[in-house]
Protein backbone atom coordinates (compact mmCIF):
# COMPACT_ATOMS: atom_id res chain seq x y z
CA MET A 1 64.87 100.91 75.74
CA CYS A 2 67.84 100.23 73.47
CA ALA A 3 70.65 98.02 74.68
CA SER A 4 73.38 99.51 76.83
CA HIS A 5 75.99 96.95 75.84
CA SER A 6 76.56 94.51 73.07
CA SER A 7 80.00 93.09 73.81
CA SER A 8 80.38 89.42 74.56
CA GLY A 9 81.75 88.14 77.82
CA SER A 10 80.18 87.37 81.17
CA TYR A 11 81.49 90.43 83.01
CA GLN A 12 80.55 92.83 80.24
CA ASN A 13 77.10 91.29 80.06
CA SER A 14 76.56 91.75 83.79
CA LYS A 15 77.70 95.40 83.93
CA ARG A 16 76.25 98.25 81.88
CA VAL A 17 78.20 101.19 80.50
CA TRP A 18 76.76 104.45 79.20
CA ILE A 19 79.00 107.16 77.74
CA TRP A 20 78.50 110.90 78.34
CA THR A 21 80.58 112.92 75.89
CA GLN A 22 80.58 115.60 73.22
CA SER A 23 83.61 114.12 71.45
CA LYS A 24 82.98 112.36 68.16
CA GLU A 25 86.24 110.42 68.63
CA VAL A 26 85.07 109.13 72.02
CA MET A 27 81.72 108.16 70.49
CA THR A 28 83.42 106.25 67.67
CA ALA A 29 85.79 104.42 70.01
CA SER A 30 82.89 103.49 72.30
CA VAL A 31 80.69 102.12 69.52
CA GLU A 32 83.59 100.10 68.15
CA ARG A 33 83.92 98.48 71.57
CA GLY A 34 80.27 97.61 71.94
CA TRP A 35 79.02 100.56 74.03
CA ASN A 36 76.27 102.30 72.10
CA THR A 37 74.22 104.11 74.79
CA PHE A 38 75.12 107.81 75.01
CA VAL A 39 73.97 110.46 77.46
CA PHE A 40 73.46 114.07 76.31
CA SER A 41 72.31 117.21 78.02
CA SER A 42 68.94 118.36 76.68
CA LYS A 43 70.58 121.22 74.76
CA HIS A 44 72.70 118.80 72.72
CA GLN A 45 69.88 116.96 70.93
CA GLN A 46 71.20 118.19 67.58
CA LEU A 47 74.55 116.51 68.28
CA ALA A 48 72.72 113.28 69.13
CA ASN A 49 70.82 113.49 65.84
CA GLU A 50 74.05 114.00 63.88
CA TRP A 51 75.71 111.00 65.52
CA SER A 52 72.64 108.84 64.91
CA LEU A 53 73.20 109.34 61.17
CA ILE A 54 76.71 107.90 61.25
CA ALA A 55 76.44 105.19 63.94
CA LEU A 56 73.83 102.95 65.52
CA ILE A 57 73.52 104.61 68.93
CA CYS A 58 70.94 104.87 71.68
CA PRO A 59 70.70 108.55 72.75
CA LEU A 60 69.45 109.49 76.22
CA TYR A 61 68.88 113.01 77.51
CA VAL A 62 69.41 114.57 80.95
CA GLU A 63 66.59 116.87 82.02
CA GLU A 64 64.90 117.84 85.32
CA GLY A 65 66.64 115.29 87.52
CA GLY A 66 66.05 112.41 85.17
CA ILE A 67 67.26 110.72 82.03
CA PHE A 68 64.82 110.34 79.13
CA ASP A 69 64.83 108.49 75.82
CA ASN A 70 63.87 109.76 72.35
CA GLU A 71 60.19 109.27 73.14
CA ASN A 72 60.49 111.31 76.34
CA ARG A 73 60.09 108.27 78.57
CA ARG A 74 61.97 108.40 81.85
CA VAL A 75 64.57 105.62 81.94
CA ALA A 76 66.50 106.73 85.04
CA THR A 77 66.31 109.08 88.02
CA ILE A 78 69.40 111.10 88.97
CA PHE A 79 70.36 111.67 92.60
CA GLU A 80 73.09 114.20 93.38
CA VAL A 81 74.94 113.46 96.61
CA SER A 82 77.22 116.06 98.17
CA ASN A 83 77.41 115.02 101.85
CA PRO A 84 77.11 111.93 104.10
CA GLN A 85 73.59 112.86 105.20
CA GLU A 86 72.29 112.80 101.63
CA LEU A 87 74.01 109.47 101.09
CA LEU A 88 72.27 107.96 104.14
CA GLN A 89 68.91 109.05 102.77
CA LEU A 90 69.33 107.09 99.54
CA LYS A 91 66.71 104.38 99.31
CA PRO A 92 65.92 101.89 96.56
CA ALA A 93 63.35 103.39 94.18
CA LYS A 94 59.78 102.23 94.70
CA GLY A 95 58.44 103.71 91.45
CA GLU A 96 58.53 102.35 87.94
CA GLU A 97 62.03 103.61 87.11
CA GLU A 98 64.30 100.77 86.10
CA ASN A 99 67.53 102.69 86.70
CA VAL A 100 68.97 105.03 89.29
CA VAL A 101 71.97 107.27 88.57
CA ILE A 102 74.11 108.51 91.46
CA ASN A 103 76.23 111.63 90.97
CA LEU A 104 78.72 111.96 93.82
CA LEU A 105 79.65 115.63 93.82
CA ASP A 106 82.39 115.00 96.41
CA TRP A 107 83.83 111.74 95.09
CA GLN A 108 85.19 109.23 97.60
CA VAL A 109 85.65 105.48 97.81
CA ILE A 110 83.60 104.85 100.96
CA PRO A 111 80.39 106.33 99.45
CA ALA A 112 80.73 103.86 96.58
CA GLU A 113 80.60 101.01 99.09
CA ASN A 114 77.67 102.62 100.91
CA ILE A 115 75.69 102.87 97.66
CA VAL A 116 76.26 99.17 96.93
CA ALA A 117 75.13 98.29 100.46
CA ALA A 118 72.00 100.46 100.23
CA PHE A 119 70.79 98.87 96.98
CA GLN A 120 72.04 95.29 97.44
CA ASP A 121 68.56 93.77 97.86
CA SER A 122 66.92 95.95 95.22
CA GLN A 123 66.05 95.02 91.65
CA THR A 124 66.98 98.56 90.61
CA THR A 125 70.02 98.94 88.36
CA VAL A 126 72.23 101.60 89.94
CA PHE A 127 74.67 103.63 87.86
CA ALA A 128 77.35 106.02 89.10
CA ILE A 129 78.72 108.91 87.07
CA SER A 130 82.48 108.41 86.74
CA LYS A 131 84.97 110.88 85.31
CA THR A 132 87.89 108.46 85.06
CA PRO A 133 88.27 104.72 84.35
CA SER A 134 89.73 104.21 87.83
CA GLU A 135 86.61 105.73 89.41
CA ALA A 136 84.47 103.47 87.25
CA GLN A 137 86.46 100.42 88.32
CA ILE A 138 85.93 101.19 92.01
CA PHE A 139 82.17 101.56 91.51
CA LEU A 140 82.04 98.28 89.56
CA GLU A 141 84.00 96.40 92.25
CA ALA A 142 82.88 98.04 95.53
CA LEU A 143 82.14 95.39 98.17
CA GLU A 144 82.92 92.71 95.51
CA GLN A 145 79.39 92.93 94.08
CA GLY A 146 79.73 96.46 92.69
CA LEU A 147 77.11 98.66 91.07
CA GLY A 148 75.15 97.53 88.03
CA GLY A 149 76.75 100.09 85.76
CA VAL A 150 78.61 103.33 85.24
CA ILE A 151 78.18 106.45 83.14
CA LEU A 152 81.65 107.35 81.90
CA LYS A 153 81.67 111.13 81.46
CA VAL A 154 84.84 111.89 79.49
CA GLU A 155 86.21 113.68 76.44
CA ASP A 156 89.34 111.55 76.14
CA VAL A 157 89.50 108.44 73.93
CA GLU A 158 92.16 106.90 76.17
CA ALA A 159 89.61 106.71 79.00
CA VAL A 160 87.36 104.52 76.84
CA LEU A 161 90.26 102.29 75.83
CA GLU A 162 91.38 101.89 79.43
CA LEU A 163 87.90 100.96 80.64
CA LYS A 164 87.48 98.45 77.81
CA ASP A 165 90.86 96.93 78.68
CA TYR A 166 89.62 96.52 82.27
CA PHE A 167 86.49 94.70 81.04
CA ASP A 168 88.59 92.47 78.78
CA ARG A 169 90.84 91.49 81.68
CA ARG A 170 87.84 90.68 83.86
CA ASP A 171 86.29 88.57 81.09
CA GLU A 172 89.58 86.77 80.60
CA VAL A 173 89.44 85.59 84.20
CA SER A 174 86.06 83.91 83.58
CA ASN A 175 87.64 81.65 80.91
CA LEU A 176 89.47 78.44 81.73
CA LEU A 177 93.12 78.32 80.72
CA SER A 178 94.16 75.25 78.79
CA LEU A 179 96.72 73.31 80.85
CA THR A 180 98.37 70.06 79.83
CA LYS A 181 100.27 67.25 81.51
CA ALA A 182 104.02 67.08 81.03
CA THR A 183 106.46 64.39 82.08
CA VAL A 184 109.67 65.22 83.93
CA THR A 185 112.72 64.14 81.92
CA ARG A 186 115.51 65.76 83.90
CA VAL A 187 116.14 67.16 87.39
CA GLN A 188 119.55 68.66 88.08
CA VAL A 189 121.12 70.89 90.71
CA ALA A 190 122.18 74.09 88.95
CA GLY A 191 124.16 76.22 91.41
CA MET A 192 123.39 79.69 92.79
CA GLY A 193 121.12 82.35 91.29
CA ASP A 194 118.91 85.31 92.13
CA ARG A 195 115.41 84.00 92.73
CA VAL A 196 112.16 85.93 93.13
CA CYS A 197 109.50 85.49 95.81
CA VAL A 198 106.20 87.09 94.75
CA ASP A 199 103.97 88.13 97.66
CA LEU A 200 100.39 88.87 96.62
CA CYS A 201 97.61 90.96 98.16
CA SER A 202 95.43 87.82 97.97
CA LEU A 203 95.45 84.45 99.70
CA MET A 204 95.88 81.35 97.57
CA ARG A 205 94.27 77.96 98.08
CA PRO A 206 95.77 74.48 97.61
CA GLY A 207 96.28 73.84 93.91
CA GLU A 208 96.80 77.50 93.02
CA GLY A 209 99.97 79.22 91.92
CA LEU A 210 101.64 81.28 89.21
CA LEU A 211 102.55 80.27 85.66
CA VAL A 212 106.33 80.58 85.33
CA GLY A 213 108.93 79.28 82.89
CA SER A 214 112.36 79.82 81.40
CA PHE A 215 110.74 80.00 77.96
CA ALA A 216 107.41 81.64 77.12
CA ARG A 217 106.47 78.60 75.02
CA GLY A 218 105.85 76.59 78.18
CA LEU A 219 104.94 77.91 81.63
CA PHE A 220 104.90 75.66 84.70
CA LEU A 221 102.26 76.00 87.42
CA VAL A 222 104.41 76.83 90.45
CA HIS A 223 102.49 76.22 93.68
CA SER A 224 102.08 78.79 96.42
CA GLU A 225 103.41 78.29 99.93
CA CYS A 226 99.89 77.73 101.28
CA LEU A 227 100.48 74.10 102.24
CA GLU A 228 101.53 73.19 105.76
CA SER A 229 105.19 72.24 106.11
CA ASN A 230 107.51 70.95 108.78
CA TYR A 231 110.15 73.39 107.61
CA ILE A 232 108.44 76.78 107.67
CA ALA A 233 105.10 78.41 108.51
CA SER A 234 102.45 78.49 105.77
CA ARG A 235 102.48 81.66 103.67
CA PRO A 236 99.40 81.40 101.43
CA PHE A 237 100.11 84.79 99.86
CA ARG A 238 103.54 83.78 98.50
CA VAL A 239 104.91 82.01 95.45
CA ASN A 240 108.63 81.26 95.37
CA ALA A 241 108.47 81.65 91.63
CA GLY A 242 111.93 81.25 90.14
CA PRO A 243 114.97 83.25 88.99
CA VAL A 244 114.94 86.82 87.71
CA HIS A 245 115.06 85.89 83.99
CA ALA A 246 111.92 83.70 84.07
CA TYR A 247 108.62 84.63 82.44
CA VAL A 248 105.42 84.89 84.48
CA ALA A 249 101.87 85.08 83.08
CA VAL A 250 100.09 88.42 83.54
CA PRO A 251 96.61 89.59 82.40
CA GLY A 252 95.89 90.22 78.74
CA GLY A 253 97.58 87.06 77.49
CA LYS A 254 100.97 88.64 78.18
CA THR A 255 104.09 87.67 80.08
CA SER A 256 106.46 89.66 82.24
CA TYR A 257 109.92 88.93 83.55
CA LEU A 258 109.89 88.08 87.24
CA SER A 259 112.48 90.82 87.72
CA GLU A 260 109.98 93.36 86.34
CA LEU A 261 107.28 92.65 88.90
CA LYS A 262 106.72 95.25 91.61
CA ALA A 263 104.07 96.36 94.06
CA GLY A 264 100.80 97.23 92.33
CA LYS A 265 101.27 95.10 89.20
CA GLU A 266 98.80 92.32 88.39
CA VAL A 267 99.53 88.65 87.81
CA ILE A 268 97.32 85.65 87.00
CA VAL A 269 96.68 83.07 89.72
CA VAL A 270 95.75 79.66 88.24
CA ASP A 271 94.61 76.36 89.77
CA GLN A 272 94.94 72.72 88.67
CA LYS A 273 91.84 72.90 86.46
CA GLY A 274 92.91 76.11 84.69
CA GLN A 275 90.57 78.37 86.64
CA GLN A 276 92.21 81.78 86.72
CA ARG A 277 91.89 85.06 88.58
CA THR A 278 93.92 88.22 88.83
CA ALA A 279 95.85 89.26 91.92
CA ILE A 280 97.85 92.35 92.82
CA VAL A 281 101.52 92.08 93.72
CA GLY A 282 102.19 93.47 97.18
CA ARG A 283 105.92 92.85 97.42
CA VAL A 284 108.77 91.21 95.51
CA LYS A 285 111.82 89.71 97.22
CA ILE A 286 114.97 88.90 95.25
CA GLU A 287 117.62 86.88 97.07
CA THR A 288 120.53 84.64 96.07
CA ARG A 289 119.65 80.98 96.62
CA PRO A 290 120.65 77.51 95.32
CA LEU A 291 118.70 76.56 92.18
CA ILE A 292 117.49 73.34 90.61
CA LEU A 293 116.76 72.78 86.88
CA VAL A 294 113.62 70.89 85.85
CA GLU A 295 113.00 69.81 82.25
CA VAL A 296 109.82 68.20 80.90
CA LYS A 297 108.26 67.00 77.66
CA ARG A 298 104.61 66.77 76.68
CA ASP A 299 105.33 63.76 74.51
CA LEU A 300 108.44 61.72 75.14
CA ASP A 301 108.77 61.11 71.40
CA THR A 302 109.13 64.82 70.58
CA GLN A 303 112.26 66.98 70.75
CA THR A 304 110.61 70.03 72.35
CA ILE A 305 111.82 70.56 75.90
CA TYR A 306 110.26 72.91 78.45
CA SER A 307 112.32 74.00 81.43
CA ILE A 308 112.23 75.98 84.62
CA LEU A 309 114.73 76.86 87.32
CA LEU A 310 113.50 77.05 90.91
CA GLN A 311 114.98 77.44 94.35
CA ASN A 312 116.17 74.08 95.61
CA ALA A 313 113.98 74.01 98.74
CA GLU A 314 111.31 71.74 100.23
CA THR A 315 108.73 74.55 100.23
CA VAL A 316 108.96 75.08 96.46
CA ALA A 317 106.63 72.79 94.48
CA LEU A 318 105.09 72.20 91.06
CA VAL A 319 101.37 71.49 90.72
CA CYS A 320 100.32 67.94 89.77
CA PRO A 321 97.55 66.96 87.35
CA CYS A 322 94.11 66.37 88.82
CA GLN A 323 93.00 62.76 89.24
CA GLU A 324 89.34 61.80 88.98
CA THR A 325 89.65 58.99 91.51
CA GLY A 326 91.93 58.04 94.36
CA HIS A 327 94.20 60.03 96.61
CA GLN A 328 95.84 62.93 94.83
CA LYS A 329 98.73 65.11 95.92
CA THR A 330 98.23 68.75 95.05
CA ALA A 331 101.89 69.47 94.35
CA ILE A 332 105.33 67.84 94.33
CA PRO A 333 108.21 69.63 96.10
CA VAL A 334 111.16 70.11 93.76
CA THR A 335 113.36 68.30 96.28
CA SER A 336 111.21 65.17 95.75
CA LEU A 337 110.77 65.55 92.01
CA LYS A 338 112.05 62.65 89.87
CA VAL A 339 112.10 61.59 86.25
CA GLY A 340 108.70 60.25 85.22
CA ASP A 341 106.64 62.52 87.50
CA GLU A 342 103.84 64.52 85.87
CA VAL A 343 103.33 68.25 86.34
CA MET A 344 101.00 70.89 84.87
CA LEU A 345 102.16 73.00 81.92
CA ARG A 346 100.71 75.91 79.95
CA VAL A 347 101.83 75.66 76.30
CA GLN A 348 101.65 78.84 74.19
CA GLY A 349 103.46 80.78 71.47
CA GLY A 350 107.14 81.27 72.25
CA ALA A 351 107.95 84.47 70.35
CA ARG A 352 107.39 87.57 72.48
CA HIS A 353 107.93 91.30 72.10
CA THR A 354 107.61 93.30 75.34
CA GLY A 355 105.60 90.39 76.74
CA ILE A 356 103.13 90.25 73.82
CA GLU A 357 102.92 87.11 71.72
CA ILE A 358 103.99 87.66 68.09
CA GLN A 359 104.26 85.47 65.01
CA GLU A 360 108.00 85.09 64.46
CA PHE A 361 110.59 82.38 63.96
CA ILE A 362 112.45 81.80 67.22
CA VAL A 363 114.84 79.25 68.67
CA GLU A 364 115.44 79.15 72.43
CA ASN A 365 117.57 76.62 74.29
């Protein structure tokens, strides 16, 4: 059987996507993004033949409760589920079929989880027919493991673009971010300002935090409040991230202002080694607090300065570099920070337009 995906990236290689459409624009957009397996009803074989002349596609045909290839070989069995009883009766296939396609006629989230549970020990690749990218995402993530694939049944190009963007963001998480050591050159009390606490829908571990900075050219790894403290109870879901003007790293290689974050938006959580994952913002708190200015340099002989303002509090800390041997502190509270200390920094392009890096001359002080 022809390949169902050709895009690079660990997540895209582990999940399969077939497209069910009659739109030539949707077909073109899908092929350009590495999805070349298309599902047609049996009466649309002529359309499949026409598309095969203009693009390298793998056509499959729906007929009599199954999906067949060009040589009339069954490549998947379709199960239509319209009630909980039918869902309970789903069993992993014992025949020769490699794939199973589930069509939930009354779509809900809980059945997606039940399907994953039913087939978790099976070698069968289970697809679900999805009519929107958000449905597809739930099937791919249900019970963390998710289904093996989705059939995106749409006539709208934007649906393909949105699903591809989701895959790109998931693949981005599997890549290590390049972090570098920077040496503190200045620590100064800076007066009052409006600072932002970012509360996530995920728990963070020691060494993890958000990438934040006054300038997009250099983002500091600000530690979460997961560490035990004599001053306040541990809050492993929170990062006291900095003032409202600061940049924070978000998926897609972009930045956002801290003041723009709100419930439902995604941010990137990063650890000392550059391992990253996405997390959803659950709440943002903006309050007036005393601030402290921290400036660093990557090389003390250069003129480039990277800076961040943070709340002047014992529970606010910057992540330290990893040490291969010996006792290592995970983070240094800003109240203990001194010239000569080393912290972790993400260096990137400084020019930004609506959070997207652009090639442009820029001076920021």
